[in-house]
Amino acid sequence: MKHTVRALRLPLAVSLLTAAALSGCSGPAPGTPDVGLNDPAKKRIAMRLVSSAENSSLDWEAQYPYIEDIGDGRGYTAGIIGFCSGTGDMTEVVERYAKARPGNPLERFLPALRAVEGSDAHTGLGKPFTRAWAKAAEDPAFRAAQDAERDTVYFGPAVRQAEEDGLGALGQFIYYDAYVMHGAGDTEGTVGFRTVRREAMAAARTPARGGDEKAYLNAFLDARVAAMAEEPAHSDTSRVETAQRVFVREGKLGLETPLRWKVYGDAYRIEKG
């Protein structure tokens, strides 16, 4: 079951960028480069970490057919990171799928999806839509559409910004998870990633500006917890306090395995990448 979803936001138009690996004194062991989340193995770890919070499961690839209304005011929540009918990214997933597979069973729901953006309404959707979504997950083209939306709107911008800030794989994941929950910008009653980052930078320097990586990441997590406190749907901060904060404290700046954490009281572990 999904525990958290993102706030309402405008669609982003940022492409996933491929960046060079990071290294430095605040990375893993001396002389060992931090390859970052653009490394496939590290990216898989990040996907599993997010899935533990979003789906209470490490099996993120099993989430493509998932869809339900969790009663948070954002309509349906679905797929690998919780795309929402009320926030617009679910519409974008279906639009991507329609381009790749014209005439697919989800395409006919596009007018209804566009009409319910900004609300929790199911008008024109309902069981026919949820059944079609789950069935579409059997199609590689639909799974690719979810992957593309995740990478273009959330993963890519988060990793790029983290690299610019001089952060290793852990910091890149922390940024990505914040993008998934909060979106890029503020909306009414919510705080977005950019504001969280701005608050963190007011409290500590990024590594790119000569700051200590652990100190900056703790400042970012402090700012994120403050942002979560403003939203009832995000009142449980365990995905920060008993997961990401633990990794920072342990010095797992390169997301080195083994990793052990808790979310919503449930314990998880990744022994190998």
Protein backbone atom coordinates (compact mmCIF):
# COMPACT_ATOMS: atom_id res chain seq x y z
CA MET A 1 0.00 0.00 0.00
CA LYS A 2 1.20 3.46 -0.80
CA HIS A 3 1.90 5.56 2.28
CA THR A 4 2.84 8.89 0.69
CA VAL A 5 2.34 10.70 -2.58
CA ARG A 6 3.41 13.97 -4.04
CA ALA A 7 1.76 17.35 -3.84
CA LEU A 8 0.02 18.97 -6.81
CA ARG A 9 2.49 20.35 -9.30
CA LEU A 10 2.98 21.49 -12.84
CA PRO A 11 4.54 18.95 -15.23
CA LEU A 12 8.27 19.29 -15.53
CA ALA A 13 10.15 19.19 -18.80
CA VAL A 14 13.57 18.14 -17.66
CA SER A 15 15.45 15.38 -19.45
CA LEU A 16 17.53 12.73 -17.73
CA LEU A 17 21.18 13.63 -18.00
CA THR A 18 24.10 11.23 -17.86
CA ALA A 19 26.84 12.52 -15.61
CA ALA A 20 30.36 11.54 -14.66
CA ALA A 21 31.07 9.62 -11.48
CA LEU A 22 31.89 11.62 -8.38
CA SER A 23 34.85 11.11 -6.08
CA GLY A 24 36.39 13.00 -3.20
CA CYS A 25 37.31 13.07 0.44
CA SER A 26 33.69 12.83 1.57
CA GLY A 27 32.92 9.82 -0.61
CA PRO A 28 33.38 6.14 0.27
CA ALA A 29 36.91 4.87 0.93
CA PRO A 30 39.90 6.99 -0.14
CA GLY A 31 40.68 6.38 -3.79
CA THR A 32 37.31 4.69 -4.39
CA PRO A 33 35.08 6.73 -6.72
CA ASP A 34 31.40 7.16 -5.89
CA VAL A 35 29.75 6.09 -9.11
CA GLY A 36 26.44 7.72 -8.21
CA LEU A 37 22.92 6.69 -9.13
CA ASN A 38 23.56 6.68 -12.86
CA ASP A 39 25.30 3.37 -12.19
CA PRO A 40 22.64 0.67 -12.80
CA ALA A 41 23.40 -1.21 -9.58
CA LYS A 42 23.14 1.95 -7.47
CA LYS A 43 19.96 2.98 -9.26
CA ARG A 44 18.39 -0.38 -8.43
CA ILE A 45 19.23 0.18 -4.76
CA ALA A 46 17.55 3.59 -4.91
CA MET A 47 14.44 2.08 -6.52
CA ARG A 48 14.23 -0.52 -3.76
CA LEU A 49 14.66 2.09 -1.04
CA VAL A 50 11.87 4.24 -2.45
CA SER A 51 9.65 1.19 -2.85
CA SER A 52 10.07 0.31 0.82
CA ALA A 53 8.46 3.64 1.68
CA GLU A 54 5.95 3.86 -1.16
CA ASN A 55 4.88 0.21 -1.35
CA SER A 56 6.14 -1.48 1.84
CA SER A 57 8.11 -3.80 -0.43
CA LEU A 58 11.60 -3.97 -1.90
CA ASP A 59 10.20 -5.47 -5.11
CA TRP A 60 9.73 -2.20 -6.98
CA GLU A 61 9.28 -3.97 -10.32
CA ALA A 62 6.11 -5.62 -9.02
CA GLN A 63 4.44 -2.21 -8.64
CA TYR A 64 3.68 -1.39 -12.29
CA PRO A 65 0.06 -2.69 -12.03
CA TYR A 66 -0.61 -1.16 -8.61
CA ILE A 67 -3.48 1.35 -8.43
CA GLU A 68 -5.83 2.52 -5.67
CA ASP A 69 -7.24 5.62 -4.03
CA ILE A 70 -5.56 5.89 -0.63
CA GLY A 71 -7.83 8.71 0.48
CA ASP A 72 -5.27 11.52 0.56
CA GLY A 73 -7.15 13.89 -1.71
CA ARG A 74 -5.07 13.19 -4.82
CA GLY A 75 -7.29 10.65 -6.53
CA TYR A 76 -5.74 7.42 -7.72
CA THR A 77 -2.18 6.54 -6.78
CA ALA A 78 -0.49 4.04 -9.07
CA GLY A 79 2.62 2.49 -10.51
CA ILE A 80 6.25 2.31 -9.53
CA ILE A 81 6.49 5.61 -7.62
CA GLY A 82 2.87 6.54 -7.02
CA PHE A 83 1.77 8.54 -10.05
CA CYS A 84 -1.45 10.38 -9.15
CA SER A 85 -4.54 11.24 -11.16
CA GLY A 86 -4.86 14.47 -9.20
CA THR A 87 -1.31 15.71 -9.82
CA GLY A 88 -0.98 15.23 -13.57
CA ASP A 89 1.88 12.76 -13.74
CA MET A 90 -0.52 9.83 -14.20
CA THR A 91 -1.92 11.63 -17.23
CA GLU A 92 1.60 12.04 -18.59
CA VAL A 93 2.28 8.31 -18.18
CA VAL A 94 -0.82 7.45 -20.20
CA GLU A 95 0.10 10.06 -22.82
CA ARG A 96 3.54 8.48 -23.18
CA TYR A 97 1.94 5.08 -23.52
CA ALA A 98 -0.47 6.37 -26.17
CA LYS A 99 2.44 7.66 -28.25
CA ALA A 100 4.22 4.34 -28.02
CA ARG A 101 1.10 2.19 -28.46
CA PRO A 102 -1.68 4.16 -30.21
CA GLY A 103 -5.14 2.82 -29.51
CA ASN A 104 -4.15 1.09 -26.29
CA PRO A 105 -6.96 0.43 -23.75
CA LEU A 106 -5.89 3.32 -21.49
CA GLU A 107 -5.91 5.98 -24.20
CA ARG A 108 -9.69 6.44 -24.10
CA PHE A 109 -9.40 7.62 -20.49
CA LEU A 110 -7.16 10.58 -21.32
CA PRO A 111 -10.01 13.16 -21.46
CA ALA A 112 -11.23 12.03 -18.04
CA LEU A 113 -7.71 12.07 -16.59
CA ARG A 114 -7.16 15.62 -17.80
CA ALA A 115 -10.51 16.67 -16.36
CA VAL A 116 -9.78 15.37 -12.84
CA GLU A 117 -6.32 16.92 -12.46
CA GLY A 118 -6.18 19.04 -9.33
CA SER A 119 -8.88 17.01 -7.58
CA ASP A 120 -9.55 13.62 -6.03
CA ALA A 121 -12.42 12.87 -8.43
CA HIS A 122 -12.84 9.55 -10.27
CA THR A 123 -15.30 10.92 -12.81
CA GLY A 124 -15.05 8.94 -16.05
CA LEU A 125 -12.51 6.55 -14.54
CA GLY A 126 -13.61 4.07 -11.85
CA LYS A 127 -13.22 0.31 -12.13
CA PRO A 128 -12.93 0.25 -15.94
CA PHE A 129 -9.86 2.48 -15.64
CA THR A 130 -8.23 0.67 -12.72
CA ARG A 131 -8.70 -2.68 -14.45
CA ALA A 132 -7.24 -1.29 -17.67
CA TRP A 133 -4.23 0.13 -15.78
CA ALA A 134 -3.47 -3.18 -14.10
CA LYS A 135 -3.86 -5.06 -17.38
CA ALA A 136 -1.66 -2.59 -19.26
CA ALA A 137 1.20 -3.36 -16.88
CA GLU A 138 1.63 -6.62 -18.79
CA ASP A 139 2.75 -4.56 -21.80
CA PRO A 140 6.47 -3.66 -21.89
CA ALA A 141 5.55 -0.38 -23.59
CA PHE A 142 3.44 0.66 -20.60
CA ARG A 143 6.17 -0.26 -18.16
CA ALA A 144 8.59 1.77 -20.28
CA ALA A 145 6.20 4.74 -20.11
CA GLN A 146 6.27 4.59 -16.31
CA ASP A 147 10.06 4.33 -16.34
CA ALA A 148 10.35 7.31 -18.67
CA GLU A 149 8.08 9.50 -16.55
CA ARG A 150 10.01 8.60 -13.42
CA ASP A 151 13.37 9.30 -15.03
CA THR A 152 12.42 12.50 -16.82
CA VAL A 153 10.39 14.20 -14.10
CA TYR A 154 11.91 12.89 -10.87
CA PHE A 155 15.07 10.81 -11.05
CA GLY A 156 16.94 12.80 -13.70
CA PRO A 157 16.43 16.28 -12.20
CA ALA A 158 17.21 15.00 -8.70
CA VAL A 159 20.46 13.31 -9.69
CA ARG A 160 21.58 16.24 -11.81
CA GLN A 161 21.01 18.72 -8.97
CA ALA A 162 22.74 16.45 -6.46
CA GLU A 163 25.76 16.14 -8.72
CA GLU A 164 25.91 19.91 -9.09
CA ASP A 165 25.84 20.15 -5.29
CA GLY A 166 28.75 17.71 -5.02
CA LEU A 167 26.76 14.87 -3.48
CA GLY A 168 27.49 11.17 -3.79
CA ALA A 169 25.05 8.31 -4.28
CA LEU A 170 23.37 8.71 -0.88
CA GLY A 171 22.76 12.41 -1.40
CA GLN A 172 21.46 11.72 -4.90
CA PHE A 173 19.01 9.20 -3.46
CA ILE A 174 17.95 11.63 -0.72
CA TYR A 175 17.21 14.26 -3.38
CA TYR A 176 15.35 11.73 -5.52
CA ASP A 177 13.16 10.55 -2.65
CA ALA A 178 12.32 14.17 -1.85
CA TYR A 179 11.34 14.75 -5.49
CA VAL A 180 9.09 11.68 -5.40
CA MET A 181 7.24 12.83 -2.29
CA HIS A 182 7.20 16.61 -2.66
CA GLY A 183 7.60 17.38 -6.36
CA ALA A 184 9.84 20.16 -7.60
CA GLY A 185 7.96 23.27 -6.54
CA ASP A 186 5.63 24.52 -3.83
CA THR A 187 1.87 24.36 -4.22
CA GLU A 188 -0.91 25.51 -1.92
CA GLY A 189 -0.40 23.82 1.43
CA THR A 190 2.74 21.95 0.38
CA VAL A 191 6.49 22.51 0.25
CA GLY A 192 8.44 21.34 -2.79
CA PHE A 193 11.99 20.12 -3.31
CA ARG A 194 13.39 23.51 -4.31
CA THR A 195 12.24 25.12 -1.06
CA VAL A 196 13.61 22.22 1.01
CA ARG A 197 16.98 22.58 -0.72
CA ARG A 198 16.98 26.36 -0.24
CA GLU A 199 16.33 25.96 3.49
CA ALA A 200 19.10 23.37 3.75
CA MET A 201 21.58 25.63 1.96
CA ALA A 202 20.77 28.42 4.40
CA ALA A 203 21.82 26.13 7.24
CA ALA A 204 24.85 24.37 5.74
CA ARG A 205 27.11 24.62 2.70
CA THR A 206 26.93 21.98 0.00
CA PRO A 207 30.11 19.98 -0.71
CA ALA A 208 30.36 21.86 -4.02
CA ARG A 209 30.70 25.06 -1.95
CA GLY A 210 33.25 23.59 0.41
CA GLY A 211 30.87 22.18 3.01
CA ASP A 212 30.90 18.85 4.81
CA GLU A 213 28.70 16.32 3.04
CA LYS A 214 27.22 14.72 6.16
CA ALA A 215 26.48 18.10 7.73
CA TYR A 216 24.72 19.29 4.60
CA LEU A 217 22.68 16.11 4.22
CA ASN A 218 21.52 16.37 7.82
CA ALA A 219 20.51 19.98 7.17
CA PHE A 220 18.56 18.86 4.10
CA LEU A 221 16.82 16.13 6.07
CA ASP A 222 15.98 18.63 8.82
CA ALA A 223 14.40 20.90 6.23
CA ARG A 224 12.51 18.01 4.72
CA VAL A 225 11.10 16.88 8.07
CA ALA A 226 9.90 20.45 8.63
CA ALA A 227 8.22 20.39 5.22
CA MET A 228 6.56 17.05 5.95
CA ALA A 229 5.16 18.43 9.20
CA GLU A 230 3.05 20.87 7.17
CA GLU A 231 1.15 18.06 5.43
CA PRO A 232 -1.06 15.59 7.34
CA ALA A 233 -0.48 12.94 4.67
CA HIS A 234 3.27 13.11 5.35
CA SER A 235 3.22 13.24 9.14
CA ASP A 236 5.13 9.96 9.47
CA THR A 237 8.80 10.86 9.00
CA SER A 238 10.26 7.37 9.37
CA ARG A 239 11.43 7.25 5.74
CA VAL A 240 13.77 10.06 6.82
CA GLU A 241 14.53 9.44 10.48
CA THR A 242 14.90 5.64 10.53
CA ALA A 243 16.19 5.23 6.99
CA GLN A 244 18.02 8.11 5.31
CA ARG A 245 19.26 9.65 8.55
CA VAL A 246 20.62 6.25 9.56
CA PHE A 247 22.64 6.00 6.34
CA VAL A 248 24.10 9.47 6.89
CA ARG A 249 25.04 8.63 10.47
CA GLU A 250 26.71 5.41 9.33
CA GLY A 251 28.68 7.27 6.67
CA LYS A 252 27.14 5.32 3.77
CA LEU A 253 27.66 8.30 1.46
CA GLY A 254 28.09 6.02 -1.54
CA LEU A 255 25.08 3.85 -0.59
CA GLU A 256 27.47 1.05 0.22
CA THR A 257 25.83 -2.23 1.15
CA PRO A 258 24.80 -3.76 3.44
CA LEU A 259 22.00 -1.32 4.20
CA ARG A 260 19.54 -1.79 7.04
CA TRP A 261 16.65 0.56 7.82
CA LYS A 262 13.05 0.84 8.97
CA VAL A 263 10.03 2.56 7.43
CA TYR A 264 6.65 2.76 9.19
CA GLY A 265 8.07 0.33 11.76
CA ASP A 266 8.92 -2.36 9.20
CA ALA A 267 12.55 -3.50 8.94
CA TYR A 268 14.35 -3.90 5.60
CA ARG A 269 17.81 -4.85 4.48
CA ILE A 270 19.83 -4.95 1.28
CA GLU A 271 22.89 -7.14 1.63
CA LYS A 272 24.32 -6.62 -1.85
CA GLY A 273 23.80 -4.09 -4.61
